[in-house]
N, C-alpha and C. Protein backbone atom coordinates (compact mmCIF):
# COMPACT_ATOMS: atom_id res chain seq x y z
N MET A 1 -20.63 29.51 0.98
CA MET A 1 -21.48 30.67 1.15
C MET A 1 -22.93 30.19 1.17
N ARG A 2 -23.69 30.68 2.10
CA ARG A 2 -25.07 30.24 2.27
C ARG A 2 -26.04 31.26 1.71
N GLY A 3 -27.11 30.75 1.06
CA GLY A 3 -28.11 31.63 0.51
C GLY A 3 -29.42 30.90 0.28
N THR A 4 -30.37 31.61 -0.32
CA THR A 4 -31.70 31.08 -0.58
C THR A 4 -31.98 31.14 -2.07
N ILE A 5 -32.53 30.06 -2.62
CA ILE A 5 -32.90 30.05 -4.03
C ILE A 5 -34.12 30.96 -4.21
N ILE A 6 -34.00 31.94 -5.11
CA ILE A 6 -35.11 32.87 -5.33
C ILE A 6 -35.73 32.69 -6.71
N LYS A 7 -35.07 31.92 -7.59
CA LYS A 7 -35.61 31.70 -8.94
C LYS A 7 -35.03 30.40 -9.48
N SER A 8 -35.89 29.66 -10.19
CA SER A 8 -35.46 28.42 -10.82
C SER A 8 -35.98 28.41 -12.24
N LEU A 9 -35.08 28.24 -13.22
CA LEU A 9 -35.49 28.25 -14.61
C LEU A 9 -34.56 27.34 -15.41
N SER A 10 -35.10 26.25 -15.93
CA SER A 10 -34.37 25.34 -16.82
C SER A 10 -33.05 24.87 -16.27
N GLY A 11 -33.02 24.51 -15.00
CA GLY A 11 -31.80 23.98 -14.39
C GLY A 11 -30.84 25.04 -13.90
N PHE A 12 -31.19 26.31 -14.03
CA PHE A 12 -30.39 27.40 -13.50
C PHE A 12 -31.10 27.95 -12.27
N TYR A 13 -30.35 28.19 -11.22
CA TYR A 13 -30.92 28.65 -9.96
C TYR A 13 -30.31 29.99 -9.58
N THR A 14 -31.16 30.97 -9.32
CA THR A 14 -30.69 32.27 -8.85
C THR A 14 -30.72 32.23 -7.33
N VAL A 15 -29.58 32.50 -6.72
CA VAL A 15 -29.43 32.37 -5.26
C VAL A 15 -29.07 33.73 -4.68
N ARG A 16 -29.83 34.18 -3.66
CA ARG A 16 -29.50 35.41 -2.93
C ARG A 16 -28.75 35.00 -1.67
N LEU A 17 -27.53 35.49 -1.55
CA LEU A 17 -26.70 35.16 -0.39
C LEU A 17 -27.07 36.04 0.80
N GLU A 18 -26.48 35.70 1.95
CA GLU A 18 -26.78 36.42 3.18
C GLU A 18 -26.35 37.89 3.10
N ASP A 19 -25.37 38.21 2.25
CA ASP A 19 -24.94 39.60 2.09
C ASP A 19 -25.73 40.33 1.00
N ASN A 20 -26.84 39.71 0.53
CA ASN A 20 -27.75 40.24 -0.49
C ASN A 20 -27.18 40.25 -1.91
N SER A 21 -26.00 39.66 -2.11
CA SER A 21 -25.52 39.51 -3.48
C SER A 21 -26.27 38.36 -4.14
N VAL A 22 -26.36 38.38 -5.47
CA VAL A 22 -27.14 37.40 -6.22
C VAL A 22 -26.21 36.67 -7.18
N HIS A 23 -26.32 35.33 -7.21
CA HIS A 23 -25.49 34.51 -8.09
C HIS A 23 -26.38 33.52 -8.83
N VAL A 24 -26.05 33.25 -10.09
CA VAL A 24 -26.73 32.23 -10.87
C VAL A 24 -25.88 30.96 -10.76
N CYS A 25 -26.55 29.84 -10.44
CA CYS A 25 -25.83 28.60 -10.17
C CYS A 25 -26.48 27.42 -10.89
N LYS A 26 -25.72 26.35 -11.01
CA LYS A 26 -26.21 25.06 -11.49
C LYS A 26 -26.11 24.09 -10.32
N ALA A 27 -27.01 23.11 -10.29
CA ALA A 27 -26.96 22.08 -9.25
C ALA A 27 -25.93 21.02 -9.63
N ARG A 28 -25.33 20.41 -8.65
CA ARG A 28 -24.37 19.34 -8.90
C ARG A 28 -25.09 18.11 -9.44
N GLY A 29 -24.39 17.32 -10.21
CA GLY A 29 -24.98 16.11 -10.79
C GLY A 29 -25.38 15.08 -9.76
N LYS A 30 -24.74 15.09 -8.58
CA LYS A 30 -25.07 14.09 -7.56
C LYS A 30 -26.48 14.28 -7.02
N PHE A 31 -27.04 15.49 -7.14
CA PHE A 31 -28.40 15.71 -6.67
C PHE A 31 -29.38 14.87 -7.48
N ARG A 32 -29.20 14.82 -8.79
CA ARG A 32 -30.08 14.03 -9.65
C ARG A 32 -29.97 12.54 -9.27
N LYS A 33 -28.74 12.09 -9.07
CA LYS A 33 -28.51 10.69 -8.70
C LYS A 33 -29.17 10.34 -7.37
N ASP A 34 -29.14 11.29 -6.43
CA ASP A 34 -29.72 11.07 -5.09
C ASP A 34 -31.19 11.44 -5.01
N GLY A 35 -31.79 11.91 -6.11
CA GLY A 35 -33.21 12.25 -6.13
C GLY A 35 -33.53 13.56 -5.43
N ILE A 36 -32.56 14.46 -5.34
CA ILE A 36 -32.77 15.76 -4.69
C ILE A 36 -33.00 16.81 -5.77
N LYS A 37 -34.11 17.54 -5.67
CA LYS A 37 -34.42 18.60 -6.62
C LYS A 37 -34.46 19.93 -5.88
N PRO A 38 -33.49 20.81 -6.12
CA PRO A 38 -33.54 22.13 -5.47
C PRO A 38 -34.81 22.88 -5.88
N MET A 39 -35.41 23.58 -4.92
CA MET A 39 -36.65 24.31 -5.18
C MET A 39 -36.51 25.74 -4.67
N VAL A 40 -37.31 26.64 -5.23
CA VAL A 40 -37.33 28.02 -4.76
C VAL A 40 -37.66 28.03 -3.27
N GLY A 41 -36.88 28.79 -2.51
CA GLY A 41 -37.05 28.87 -1.07
C GLY A 41 -36.09 28.00 -0.30
N ASP A 42 -35.41 27.06 -0.98
CA ASP A 42 -34.45 26.19 -0.30
C ASP A 42 -33.24 26.98 0.16
N LEU A 43 -32.74 26.60 1.33
CA LEU A 43 -31.49 27.14 1.85
C LEU A 43 -30.38 26.28 1.30
N VAL A 44 -29.38 26.90 0.65
CA VAL A 44 -28.33 26.15 -0.03
C VAL A 44 -26.96 26.74 0.30
N ASP A 45 -25.94 25.91 0.12
CA ASP A 45 -24.56 26.37 0.17
C ASP A 45 -24.04 26.35 -1.26
N ILE A 46 -23.39 27.44 -1.68
CA ILE A 46 -22.89 27.51 -3.05
C ILE A 46 -21.39 27.80 -3.05
N VAL A 47 -20.78 27.49 -4.17
CA VAL A 47 -19.41 27.90 -4.45
C VAL A 47 -19.48 28.78 -5.69
N PRO A 48 -19.33 30.11 -5.52
CA PRO A 48 -19.40 30.98 -6.69
C PRO A 48 -18.17 30.77 -7.58
N SER A 49 -18.33 31.03 -8.86
CA SER A 49 -17.20 30.88 -9.77
C SER A 49 -16.28 32.09 -9.65
N ASN A 50 -15.05 31.91 -10.06
CA ASN A 50 -14.07 32.99 -9.99
C ASN A 50 -14.30 34.05 -11.06
N ASP A 51 -14.90 33.65 -12.19
CA ASP A 51 -15.08 34.58 -13.31
C ASP A 51 -16.49 35.16 -13.39
N ASN A 52 -17.24 35.07 -12.27
CA ASN A 52 -18.61 35.61 -12.19
C ASN A 52 -19.55 34.99 -13.22
N GLU A 53 -19.28 33.78 -13.65
CA GLU A 53 -20.20 33.07 -14.52
C GLU A 53 -21.11 32.24 -13.63
N LEU A 54 -21.22 30.95 -13.88
CA LEU A 54 -22.10 30.08 -13.09
C LEU A 54 -21.38 29.53 -11.87
N GLY A 55 -22.05 29.62 -10.73
CA GLY A 55 -21.55 28.97 -9.53
C GLY A 55 -22.15 27.58 -9.44
N ASN A 56 -21.82 26.85 -8.37
CA ASN A 56 -22.36 25.51 -8.15
C ASN A 56 -23.06 25.44 -6.80
N ILE A 57 -24.23 24.81 -6.79
CA ILE A 57 -24.90 24.52 -5.53
C ILE A 57 -24.26 23.25 -4.99
N GLU A 58 -23.67 23.34 -3.81
CA GLU A 58 -22.96 22.22 -3.21
C GLU A 58 -23.84 21.43 -2.25
N THR A 59 -24.70 22.12 -1.50
CA THR A 59 -25.54 21.48 -0.49
C THR A 59 -26.93 22.09 -0.52
N VAL A 60 -27.94 21.24 -0.44
CA VAL A 60 -29.32 21.70 -0.27
C VAL A 60 -29.71 21.28 1.14
N HIS A 61 -29.99 22.25 1.99
CA HIS A 61 -30.36 21.95 3.38
C HIS A 61 -31.79 21.44 3.43
N GLU A 62 -32.11 20.71 4.48
CA GLU A 62 -33.44 20.12 4.63
C GLU A 62 -34.49 21.22 4.66
N ARG A 63 -35.56 21.02 3.87
CA ARG A 63 -36.63 22.02 3.82
C ARG A 63 -37.71 21.68 4.84
N ASN A 64 -38.43 22.71 5.29
CA ASN A 64 -39.50 22.53 6.26
C ASN A 64 -40.80 22.12 5.60
N ASN A 65 -41.06 22.64 4.40
CA ASN A 65 -42.30 22.32 3.69
C ASN A 65 -42.09 22.57 2.21
N SER A 66 -42.99 22.05 1.39
CA SER A 66 -42.90 22.30 -0.05
C SER A 66 -44.27 22.13 -0.67
N MET A 67 -44.42 22.69 -1.86
CA MET A 67 -45.67 22.56 -2.59
C MET A 67 -45.32 22.44 -4.07
N GLU A 68 -45.82 21.41 -4.71
CA GLU A 68 -45.55 21.21 -6.13
C GLU A 68 -46.87 21.02 -6.86
N THR A 69 -46.85 21.30 -8.15
CA THR A 69 -48.00 20.98 -9.00
C THR A 69 -47.57 19.90 -9.97
N SER A 70 -48.51 19.09 -10.38
CA SER A 70 -48.16 18.06 -11.35
C SER A 70 -47.95 18.69 -12.71
N ALA A 71 -47.15 18.06 -13.54
CA ALA A 71 -46.83 18.61 -14.85
C ALA A 71 -48.08 18.75 -15.71
N GLY A 72 -49.01 17.80 -15.61
CA GLY A 72 -50.22 17.84 -16.42
C GLY A 72 -51.21 18.90 -15.98
N CYS A 73 -51.03 19.44 -14.82
CA CYS A 73 -51.98 20.40 -14.26
C CYS A 73 -51.74 21.82 -14.76
N LYS A 74 -50.60 22.07 -15.35
CA LYS A 74 -50.25 23.45 -15.70
C LYS A 74 -51.22 24.09 -16.67
N HIS A 75 -51.79 23.32 -17.59
CA HIS A 75 -52.65 23.92 -18.60
C HIS A 75 -54.11 23.54 -18.45
N ARG A 76 -54.40 22.51 -17.69
CA ARG A 76 -55.77 22.02 -17.61
C ARG A 76 -56.48 22.39 -16.32
N CYS A 77 -55.75 22.72 -15.29
CA CYS A 77 -56.38 23.01 -14.00
C CYS A 77 -56.92 24.43 -13.97
N VAL A 78 -57.99 24.61 -13.26
CA VAL A 78 -58.60 25.92 -13.11
C VAL A 78 -58.64 26.24 -11.63
N ASP A 79 -58.19 27.43 -11.27
CA ASP A 79 -58.25 27.86 -9.88
C ASP A 79 -59.57 28.58 -9.66
N TYR A 80 -60.20 28.29 -8.56
CA TYR A 80 -61.44 28.95 -8.19
C TYR A 80 -61.19 29.81 -6.97
N GLY A 81 -61.76 30.98 -6.96
CA GLY A 81 -61.64 31.86 -5.82
C GLY A 81 -63.03 32.17 -5.27
N TYR A 82 -63.07 32.76 -4.11
CA TYR A 82 -64.32 33.12 -3.48
C TYR A 82 -64.46 34.64 -3.52
N VAL A 83 -65.58 35.07 -4.01
CA VAL A 83 -65.88 36.51 -4.01
C VAL A 83 -66.99 36.72 -2.99
N GLY A 84 -66.75 37.59 -2.05
CA GLY A 84 -67.73 37.83 -0.99
C GLY A 84 -68.98 38.51 -1.51
N ASP A 85 -69.97 38.63 -0.63
CA ASP A 85 -71.22 39.29 -0.98
C ASP A 85 -70.98 40.75 -1.35
N VAL A 86 -71.60 41.15 -2.42
CA VAL A 86 -71.47 42.54 -2.85
C VAL A 86 -72.83 43.21 -2.60
N ALA A 87 -72.78 44.29 -1.89
CA ALA A 87 -74.02 44.98 -1.52
C ALA A 87 -74.55 45.86 -2.62
């Protein structure tokens, strides 16, 4: 079953399938060995569990683009925005 990762939290991935059903899944151990890290927005193939518990992500399809932040940046970086002229 094919879907898109919509949430990632502590190794658990929430995947919305093409039929709009939502499943919570874990990634297979081979992804870690191969250096593949599933990310929000990735197109994946999953095998849902029979008891509606955790499914498994079987395949992560090639992504077109990605954006990551460094771990050290989470608390020390400051975002700056532009505010236009106020009359």
